[in-house]
mmCIF file of all heavy atoms, coordinates in Angstrom:
data_MODEL
# 
_entry.id   MODEL 
# 
loop_
_atom_site.group_PDB 
_atom_site.id 
_atom_site.type_symbol 
_atom_site.label_atom_id 
_atom_site.label_alt_id 
_atom_site.label_comp_id 
_atom_site.label_asym_id 
_atom_site.label_entity_id 
_atom_site.label_seq_id 
_atom_site.pdbx_PDB_ins_code 
_atom_site.Cartn_x 
_atom_site.Cartn_y 
_atom_site.Cartn_z 
_atom_site.occupancy 
_atom_site.B_iso_or_equiv 
_atom_site.pdbx_formal_charge 
_atom_site.auth_seq_id 
_atom_site.auth_comp_id 
_atom_site.auth_asym_id 
_atom_site.auth_atom_id 
_atom_site.pdbx_PDB_model_num 
ATOM 1   N N   . THR A 1 1  ? 52.872 9.083  66.951 1.00 0.00 ? 1  THR A N   1 
ATOM 2   C CA  . THR A 1 1  ? 52.971 8.408  68.225 1.00 0.00 ? 1  THR A CA  1 
ATOM 3   C C   . THR A 1 1  ? 52.619 9.404  69.307 1.00 0.00 ? 1  THR A C   1 
ATOM 4   O O   . THR A 1 1  ? 52.497 10.588 69.060 1.00 0.00 ? 1  THR A O   1 
ATOM 5   C CB  . THR A 1 1  ? 54.403 7.866  68.457 1.00 0.00 ? 1  THR A CB  1 
ATOM 6   O OG1 . THR A 1 1  ? 55.313 8.956  68.413 1.00 0.00 ? 1  THR A OG1 1 
ATOM 7   C CG2 . THR A 1 1  ? 54.772 6.839  67.406 1.00 0.00 ? 1  THR A CG2 1 
ATOM 8   N N   . LEU A 1 2  ? 52.435 8.930  70.540 1.00 0.00 ? 2  LEU A N   1 
ATOM 9   C CA  . LEU A 1 2  ? 52.114 9.837  71.640 1.00 0.00 ? 2  LEU A CA  1 
ATOM 10  C C   . LEU A 1 2  ? 53.352 10.628 72.054 1.00 0.00 ? 2  LEU A C   1 
ATOM 11  O O   . LEU A 1 2  ? 54.423 10.056 72.182 1.00 0.00 ? 2  LEU A O   1 
ATOM 12  C CB  . LEU A 1 2  ? 51.599 9.026  72.829 1.00 0.00 ? 2  LEU A CB  1 
ATOM 13  C CG  . LEU A 1 2  ? 50.266 8.346  72.599 1.00 0.00 ? 2  LEU A CG  1 
ATOM 14  C CD1 . LEU A 1 2  ? 49.956 7.487  73.808 1.00 0.00 ? 2  LEU A CD1 1 
ATOM 15  C CD2 . LEU A 1 2  ? 49.166 9.367  72.424 1.00 0.00 ? 2  LEU A CD2 1 
ATOM 16  N N   . PRO A 1 3  ? 53.246 11.954 72.326 1.00 0.00 ? 3  PRO A N   1 
ATOM 17  C CA  . PRO A 1 3  ? 52.046 12.753 72.072 1.00 0.00 ? 3  PRO A CA  1 
ATOM 18  C C   . PRO A 1 3  ? 51.737 12.872 70.590 1.00 0.00 ? 3  PRO A C   1 
ATOM 19  O O   . PRO A 1 3  ? 52.604 12.644 69.750 1.00 0.00 ? 3  PRO A O   1 
ATOM 20  C CB  . PRO A 1 3  ? 52.373 14.110 72.675 1.00 0.00 ? 3  PRO A CB  1 
ATOM 21  C CG  . PRO A 1 3  ? 53.855 14.185 72.640 1.00 0.00 ? 3  PRO A CG  1 
ATOM 22  C CD  . PRO A 1 3  ? 54.357 12.771 72.833 1.00 0.00 ? 3  PRO A CD  1 
ATOM 23  N N   . LEU A 1 4  ? 50.544 13.264 70.225 1.00 0.00 ? 4  LEU A N   1 
ATOM 24  C CA  . LEU A 1 4  ? 50.062 13.136 68.861 1.00 0.00 ? 4  LEU A CA  1 
ATOM 25  C C   . LEU A 1 4  ? 50.580 14.204 67.907 1.00 0.00 ? 4  LEU A C   1 
ATOM 26  O O   . LEU A 1 4  ? 49.930 14.532 66.925 1.00 0.00 ? 4  LEU A O   1 
ATOM 27  C CB  . LEU A 1 4  ? 48.539 13.146 68.857 1.00 0.00 ? 4  LEU A CB  1 
ATOM 28  C CG  . LEU A 1 4  ? 47.904 11.876 69.396 1.00 0.00 ? 4  LEU A CG  1 
ATOM 29  C CD1 . LEU A 1 4  ? 46.402 11.987 69.307 1.00 0.00 ? 4  LEU A CD1 1 
ATOM 30  C CD2 . LEU A 1 4  ? 48.387 10.656 68.667 1.00 0.00 ? 4  LEU A CD2 1 
ATOM 31  N N   . ALA A 1 5  ? 51.719 14.767 68.210 1.00 0.00 ? 5  ALA A N   1 
ATOM 32  C CA  . ALA A 1 5  ? 52.430 15.658 67.293 1.00 0.00 ? 5  ALA A CA  1 
ATOM 33  C C   . ALA A 1 5  ? 51.553 16.819 66.856 1.00 0.00 ? 5  ALA A C   1 
ATOM 34  O O   . ALA A 1 5  ? 50.525 17.118 67.424 1.00 0.00 ? 5  ALA A O   1 
ATOM 35  C CB  . ALA A 1 5  ? 52.945 14.863 66.085 1.00 0.00 ? 5  ALA A CB  1 
ATOM 36  N N   . ALA A 1 6  ? 51.976 17.475 65.828 1.00 0.00 ? 6  ALA A N   1 
ATOM 37  C CA  . ALA A 1 6  ? 51.288 18.702 65.425 1.00 0.00 ? 6  ALA A CA  1 
ATOM 38  C C   . ALA A 1 6  ? 49.955 18.426 64.766 1.00 0.00 ? 6  ALA A C   1 
ATOM 39  O O   . ALA A 1 6  ? 49.124 19.314 64.645 1.00 0.00 ? 6  ALA A O   1 
ATOM 40  C CB  . ALA A 1 6  ? 52.178 19.487 64.467 1.00 0.00 ? 6  ALA A CB  1 
ATOM 41  N N   . ALA A 1 7  ? 49.745 17.191 64.323 1.00 0.00 ? 7  ALA A N   1 
ATOM 42  C CA  . ALA A 1 7  ? 48.500 16.896 63.623 1.00 0.00 ? 7  ALA A CA  1 
ATOM 43  C C   . ALA A 1 7  ? 47.282 17.142 64.478 1.00 0.00 ? 7  ALA A C   1 
ATOM 44  O O   . ALA A 1 7  ? 46.203 17.416 63.978 1.00 0.00 ? 7  ALA A O   1 
ATOM 45  C CB  . ALA A 1 7  ? 48.500 15.436 63.159 1.00 0.00 ? 7  ALA A CB  1 
ATOM 46  N N   . LEU A 1 8  ? 47.439 17.054 65.816 1.00 0.00 ? 8  LEU A N   1 
ATOM 47  C CA  . LEU A 1 8  ? 46.301 17.246 66.694 1.00 0.00 ? 8  LEU A CA  1 
ATOM 48  C C   . LEU A 1 8  ? 46.048 18.714 66.990 1.00 0.00 ? 8  LEU A C   1 
ATOM 49  O O   . LEU A 1 8  ? 45.143 19.044 67.739 1.00 0.00 ? 8  LEU A O   1 
ATOM 50  C CB  . LEU A 1 8  ? 46.514 16.494 68.006 1.00 0.00 ? 8  LEU A CB  1 
ATOM 51  C CG  . LEU A 1 8  ? 46.548 14.977 67.877 1.00 0.00 ? 8  LEU A CG  1 
ATOM 52  C CD1 . LEU A 1 8  ? 46.598 14.350 69.250 1.00 0.00 ? 8  LEU A CD1 1 
ATOM 53  C CD2 . LEU A 1 8  ? 45.356 14.463 67.114 1.00 0.00 ? 8  LEU A CD2 1 
ATOM 54  N N   . ALA A 1 9  ? 46.804 19.604 66.435 1.00 0.00 ? 9  ALA A N   1 
ATOM 55  C CA  . ALA A 1 9  ? 46.624 21.025 66.718 1.00 0.00 ? 9  ALA A CA  1 
ATOM 56  C C   . ALA A 1 9  ? 46.241 21.818 65.476 1.00 0.00 ? 9  ALA A C   1 
ATOM 57  O O   . ALA A 1 9  ? 46.174 23.022 65.496 1.00 0.00 ? 9  ALA A O   1 
ATOM 58  C CB  . ALA A 1 9  ? 47.890 21.598 67.325 1.00 0.00 ? 9  ALA A CB  1 
ATOM 59  N N   . VAL A 1 10 ? 46.011 21.122 64.348 1.00 0.00 ? 10 VAL A N   1 
ATOM 60  C CA  . VAL A 1 10 ? 45.641 21.822 63.113 1.00 0.00 ? 10 VAL A CA  1 
ATOM 61  C C   . VAL A 1 10 ? 44.207 22.299 63.222 1.00 0.00 ? 10 VAL A C   1 
ATOM 62  O O   . VAL A 1 10 ? 43.310 21.516 63.516 1.00 0.00 ? 10 VAL A O   1 
ATOM 63  C CB  . VAL A 1 10 ? 45.783 20.876 61.901 1.00 0.00 ? 10 VAL A CB  1 
ATOM 64  C CG1 . VAL A 1 10 ? 45.359 21.584 60.622 1.00 0.00 ? 10 VAL A CG1 1 
ATOM 65  C CG2 . VAL A 1 10 ? 47.210 20.390 61.794 1.00 0.00 ? 10 VAL A CG2 1 
ATOM 66  N N   . PRO A 1 11 ? 43.949 23.584 63.039 1.00 0.00 ? 11 PRO A N   1 
ATOM 67  C CA  . PRO A 1 11 ? 42.585 24.087 63.236 1.00 0.00 ? 11 PRO A CA  1 
ATOM 68  C C   . PRO A 1 11 ? 41.631 23.604 62.164 1.00 0.00 ? 11 PRO A C   1 
ATOM 69  O O   . PRO A 1 11 ? 42.012 23.314 61.037 1.00 0.00 ? 11 PRO A O   1 
ATOM 70  C CB  . PRO A 1 11 ? 42.755 25.606 63.176 1.00 0.00 ? 11 PRO A CB  1 
ATOM 71  C CG  . PRO A 1 11 ? 43.976 25.814 62.352 1.00 0.00 ? 11 PRO A CG  1 
ATOM 72  C CD  . PRO A 1 11 ? 44.882 24.660 62.664 1.00 0.00 ? 11 PRO A CD  1 
ATOM 73  N N   . ALA A 1 12 ? 40.362 23.523 62.544 1.00 0.00 ? 12 ALA A N   1 
ATOM 74  C CA  . ALA A 1 12 ? 39.292 23.213 61.602 1.00 0.00 ? 12 ALA A CA  1 
ATOM 75  C C   . ALA A 1 12 ? 38.132 24.135 61.929 1.00 0.00 ? 12 ALA A C   1 
ATOM 76  O O   . ALA A 1 12 ? 37.986 24.588 63.052 1.00 0.00 ? 12 ALA A O   1 
ATOM 77  C CB  . ALA A 1 12 ? 38.867 21.757 61.734 1.00 0.00 ? 12 ALA A CB  1 
ATOM 78  N N   . PRO A 1 13 ? 37.301 24.433 60.954 1.00 0.00 ? 13 PRO A N   1 
ATOM 79  C CA  . PRO A 1 13 ? 36.183 25.345 61.210 1.00 0.00 ? 13 PRO A CA  1 
ATOM 80  C C   . PRO A 1 13 ? 35.174 24.740 62.177 1.00 0.00 ? 13 PRO A C   1 
ATOM 81  O O   . PRO A 1 13 ? 34.941 23.536 62.178 1.00 0.00 ? 13 PRO A O   1 
ATOM 82  C CB  . PRO A 1 13 ? 35.560 25.527 59.815 1.00 0.00 ? 13 PRO A CB  1 
ATOM 83  C CG  . PRO A 1 13 ? 35.968 24.305 59.050 1.00 0.00 ? 13 PRO A CG  1 
ATOM 84  C CD  . PRO A 1 13 ? 37.326 23.947 59.560 1.00 0.00 ? 13 PRO A CD  1 
ATOM 85  N N   . ALA A 1 14 ? 34.577 25.604 63.000 1.00 0.00 ? 14 ALA A N   1 
ATOM 86  C CA  . ALA A 1 14 ? 33.518 25.136 63.890 1.00 0.00 ? 14 ALA A CA  1 
ATOM 87  C C   . ALA A 1 14 ? 32.312 24.728 63.071 1.00 0.00 ? 14 ALA A C   1 
ATOM 88  O O   . ALA A 1 14 ? 32.077 25.243 61.978 1.00 0.00 ? 14 ALA A O   1 
ATOM 89  C CB  . ALA A 1 14 ? 33.142 26.242 64.871 1.00 0.00 ? 14 ALA A CB  1 
ATOM 90  N N   . GLN A 1 15 ? 31.551 23.801 63.597 1.00 0.00 ? 15 GLN A N   1 
ATOM 91  C CA  . GLN A 1 15 ? 30.400 23.297 62.878 1.00 0.00 ? 15 GLN A CA  1 
ATOM 92  C C   . GLN A 1 15 ? 29.121 23.972 63.330 1.00 0.00 ? 15 GLN A C   1 
ATOM 93  O O   . GLN A 1 15 ? 28.966 24.321 64.493 1.00 0.00 ? 15 GLN A O   1 
ATOM 94  C CB  . GLN A 1 15 ? 30.254 21.793 63.090 1.00 0.00 ? 15 GLN A CB  1 
ATOM 95  C CG  . GLN A 1 15 ? 31.399 20.987 62.489 1.00 0.00 ? 15 GLN A CG  1 
ATOM 96  C CD  . GLN A 1 15 ? 31.237 19.543 62.821 1.00 0.00 ? 15 GLN A CD  1 
ATOM 97  O OE1 . GLN A 1 15 ? 31.744 19.099 63.818 1.00 0.00 ? 15 GLN A OE1 1 
ATOM 98  N NE2 . GLN A 1 15 ? 30.525 18.806 62.000 1.00 0.00 ? 15 GLN A NE2 1 
ATOM 99  N N   . GLY A 1 16 ? 28.190 24.100 62.438 1.00 0.00 ? 16 GLY A N   1 
ATOM 100 C CA  . GLY A 1 16 ? 26.870 24.618 62.768 1.00 0.00 ? 16 GLY A CA  1 
ATOM 101 C C   . GLY A 1 16 ? 25.931 23.485 63.112 1.00 0.00 ? 16 GLY A C   1 
ATOM 102 O O   . GLY A 1 16 ? 26.321 22.325 63.178 1.00 0.00 ? 16 GLY A O   1 
ATOM 103 N N   . PRO A 1 17 ? 24.662 23.802 63.320 1.00 0.00 ? 17 PRO A N   1 
ATOM 104 C CA  . PRO A 1 17 ? 23.677 22.781 63.702 1.00 0.00 ? 17 PRO A CA  1 
ATOM 105 C C   . PRO A 1 17 ? 23.535 21.711 62.630 1.00 0.00 ? 17 PRO A C   1 
ATOM 106 O O   . PRO A 1 17 ? 23.697 21.966 61.445 1.00 0.00 ? 17 PRO A O   1 
ATOM 107 C CB  . PRO A 1 17 ? 22.381 23.591 63.869 1.00 0.00 ? 17 PRO A CB  1 
ATOM 108 C CG  . PRO A 1 17 ? 22.836 24.998 64.099 1.00 0.00 ? 17 PRO A CG  1 
ATOM 109 C CD  . PRO A 1 17 ? 24.097 25.138 63.299 1.00 0.00 ? 17 PRO A CD  1 
ATOM 110 N N   . SER A 1 18 ? 23.242 20.489 63.075 1.00 0.00 ? 18 SER A N   1 
ATOM 111 C CA  . SER A 1 18 ? 22.930 19.402 62.162 1.00 0.00 ? 18 SER A CA  1 
ATOM 112 C C   . SER A 1 18 ? 21.587 18.827 62.560 1.00 0.00 ? 18 SER A C   1 
ATOM 113 O O   . SER A 1 18 ? 21.117 19.003 63.672 1.00 0.00 ? 18 SER A O   1 
ATOM 114 C CB  . SER A 1 18 ? 24.008 18.315 62.216 1.00 0.00 ? 18 SER A CB  1 
ATOM 115 O OG  . SER A 1 18 ? 24.027 17.716 63.485 1.00 0.00 ? 18 SER A OG  1 
ATOM 116 N N   . SER A 1 19 ? 20.964 18.129 61.653 1.00 0.00 ? 19 SER A N   1 
ATOM 117 C CA  . SER A 1 19 ? 19.624 17.593 61.926 1.00 0.00 ? 19 SER A CA  1 
ATOM 118 C C   . SER A 1 19 ? 19.731 16.160 62.422 1.00 0.00 ? 19 SER A C   1 
ATOM 119 O O   . SER A 1 19 ? 19.466 15.211 61.697 1.00 0.00 ? 19 SER A O   1 
ATOM 120 C CB  . SER A 1 19 ? 18.765 17.650 60.666 1.00 0.00 ? 19 SER A CB  1 
ATOM 121 O OG  . SER A 1 19 ? 19.416 16.976 59.602 1.00 0.00 ? 19 SER A OG  1 
ATOM 122 N N   . GLY A 1 20 ? 20.168 15.985 63.656 1.00 0.00 ? 20 GLY A N   1 
ATOM 123 C CA  . GLY A 1 20 ? 20.243 14.660 64.260 1.00 0.00 ? 20 GLY A CA  1 
ATOM 124 C C   . GLY A 1 20 ? 18.889 14.215 64.756 1.00 0.00 ? 20 GLY A C   1 
ATOM 125 O O   . GLY A 1 20 ? 17.901 14.963 64.716 1.00 0.00 ? 20 GLY A O   1 
ATOM 126 N N   . PRO A 1 21 ? 18.798 12.968 65.233 1.00 0.00 ? 21 PRO A N   1 
ATOM 127 C CA  . PRO A 1 21 ? 17.526 12.456 65.732 1.00 0.00 ? 21 PRO A CA  1 
ATOM 128 C C   . PRO A 1 21 ? 17.075 13.205 66.978 1.00 0.00 ? 21 PRO A C   1 
ATOM 129 O O   . PRO A 1 21 ? 17.879 13.623 67.800 1.00 0.00 ? 21 PRO A O   1 
ATOM 130 C CB  . PRO A 1 21 ? 17.840 10.981 66.047 1.00 0.00 ? 21 PRO A CB  1 
ATOM 131 C CG  . PRO A 1 21 ? 19.320 10.952 66.252 1.00 0.00 ? 21 PRO A CG  1 
ATOM 132 C CD  . PRO A 1 21 ? 19.873 11.998 65.340 1.00 0.00 ? 21 PRO A CD  1 
ATOM 133 N N   . THR A 1 22 ? 15.780 13.400 67.094 1.00 0.00 ? 22 THR A N   1 
ATOM 134 C CA  . THR A 1 22 ? 15.210 14.067 68.253 1.00 0.00 ? 22 THR A CA  1 
ATOM 135 C C   . THR A 1 22 ? 14.883 13.037 69.319 1.00 0.00 ? 22 THR A C   1 
ATOM 136 O O   . THR A 1 22 ? 14.282 12.010 69.033 1.00 0.00 ? 22 THR A O   1 
ATOM 137 C CB  . THR A 1 22 ? 13.929 14.819 67.858 1.00 0.00 ? 22 THR A CB  1 
ATOM 138 O OG1 . THR A 1 22 ? 14.260 15.772 66.858 1.00 0.00 ? 22 THR A OG1 1 
ATOM 139 C CG2 . THR A 1 22 ? 13.320 15.524 69.056 1.00 0.00 ? 22 THR A CG2 1 
ATOM 140 N N   . VAL A 1 23 ? 15.284 13.303 70.553 1.00 0.00 ? 23 VAL A N   1 
ATOM 141 C CA  . VAL A 1 23 ? 15.004 12.409 71.672 1.00 0.00 ? 23 VAL A CA  1 
ATOM 142 C C   . VAL A 1 23 ? 14.080 13.125 72.630 1.00 0.00 ? 23 VAL A C   1 
ATOM 143 O O   . VAL A 1 23 ? 14.347 14.259 73.031 1.00 0.00 ? 23 VAL A O   1 
ATOM 144 C CB  . VAL A 1 23 ? 16.305 12.008 72.400 1.00 0.00 ? 23 VAL A CB  1 
ATOM 145 C CG1 . VAL A 1 23 ? 16.001 11.070 73.558 1.00 0.00 ? 23 VAL A CG1 1 
ATOM 146 C CG2 . VAL A 1 23 ? 17.266 11.360 71.425 1.00 0.00 ? 23 VAL A CG2 1 
ATOM 147 N N   . LYS A 1 24 ? 12.974 12.491 72.970 1.00 0.00 ? 24 LYS A N   1 
ATOM 148 C CA  . LYS A 1 24 ? 12.015 13.101 73.889 1.00 0.00 ? 24 LYS A CA  1 
ATOM 149 C C   . LYS A 1 24 ? 12.638 13.242 75.269 1.00 0.00 ? 24 LYS A C   1 
ATOM 150 O O   . LYS A 1 24 ? 13.198 12.298 75.796 1.00 0.00 ? 24 LYS A O   1 
ATOM 151 C CB  . LYS A 1 24 ? 10.748 12.242 73.974 1.00 0.00 ? 24 LYS A CB  1 
ATOM 152 C CG  . LYS A 1 24 ? 9.685  12.806 74.910 1.00 0.00 ? 24 LYS A CG  1 
ATOM 153 C CD  . LYS A 1 24 ? 8.472  11.906 74.929 1.00 0.00 ? 24 LYS A CD  1 
ATOM 154 C CE  . LYS A 1 24 ? 7.419  12.447 75.886 1.00 0.00 ? 24 LYS A CE  1 
ATOM 155 N NZ  . LYS A 1 24 ? 6.247  11.574 75.979 1.00 0.00 ? 24 LYS A NZ  1 
ATOM 156 N N   . ARG A 1 25 ? 12.541 14.410 75.850 1.00 0.00 ? 25 ARG A N   1 
ATOM 157 C CA  . ARG A 1 25 ? 13.075 14.640 77.180 1.00 0.00 ? 25 ARG A CA  1 
ATOM 158 C C   . ARG A 1 25 ? 12.028 14.238 78.216 1.00 0.00 ? 25 ARG A C   1 
ATOM 159 O O   . ARG A 1 25 ? 10.897 14.725 78.194 1.00 0.00 ? 25 ARG A O   1 
ATOM 160 C CB  . ARG A 1 25 ? 13.448 16.109 77.374 1.00 0.00 ? 25 ARG A CB  1 
ATOM 161 C CG  . ARG A 1 25 ? 14.103 16.390 78.723 1.00 0.00 ? 25 ARG A CG  1 
ATOM 162 C CD  . ARG A 1 25 ? 14.476 17.854 78.831 1.00 0.00 ? 25 ARG A CD  1 
ATOM 163 N NE  . ARG A 1 25 ? 15.449 18.241 77.829 1.00 0.00 ? 25 ARG A NE  1 
ATOM 164 C CZ  . ARG A 1 25 ? 16.753 18.033 77.965 1.00 0.00 ? 25 ARG A CZ  1 
ATOM 165 N NH1 . ARG A 1 25 ? 17.236 17.428 79.040 1.00 0.00 ? 25 ARG A NH1 1 
ATOM 166 N NH2 . ARG A 1 25 ? 17.594 18.416 77.026 1.00 0.00 ? 25 ARG A NH2 1 
ATOM 167 N N   . LEU A 1 26 ? 12.395 13.333 79.102 1.00 0.00 ? 26 LEU A N   1 
ATOM 168 C CA  . LEU A 1 26 ? 11.494 12.864 80.140 1.00 0.00 ? 26 LEU A CA  1 
ATOM 169 C C   . LEU A 1 26 ? 11.803 13.547 81.459 1.00 0.00 ? 26 LEU A C   1 
ATOM 170 O O   . LEU A 1 26 ? 12.916 14.017 81.688 1.00 0.00 ? 26 LEU A O   1 
ATOM 171 C CB  . LEU A 1 26 ? 11.624 11.342 80.298 1.00 0.00 ? 26 LEU A CB  1 
ATOM 172 C CG  . LEU A 1 26 ? 11.327 10.529 79.041 1.00 0.00 ? 26 LEU A CG  1 
ATOM 173 C CD1 . LEU A 1 26 ? 11.567 9.060  79.310 1.00 0.00 ? 26 LEU A CD1 1 
ATOM 174 C CD2 . LEU A 1 26 ? 9.892  10.753 78.583 1.00 0.00 ? 26 LEU A CD2 1 
ATOM 175 N N   . ALA A 1 27 ? 10.824 13.597 82.323 1.00 0.00 ? 27 ALA A N   1 
ATOM 176 C CA  . ALA A 1 27 ? 11.030 14.203 83.635 1.00 0.00 ? 27 ALA A CA  1 
ATOM 177 C C   . ALA A 1 27 ? 12.076 13.427 84.412 1.00 0.00 ? 27 ALA A C   1 
ATOM 178 O O   . ALA A 1 27 ? 12.055 12.200 84.449 1.00 0.00 ? 27 ALA A O   1 
ATOM 179 C CB  . ALA A 1 27 ? 9.714  14.218 84.410 1.00 0.00 ? 27 ALA A CB  1 
# 
């Protein structure tokens, strides 16, 4: 319940790059 208790503070490893879709950048 709120606040979300200790479960929201458990560390997880940072993520590296993933190959998501490429979006063309417009002016």
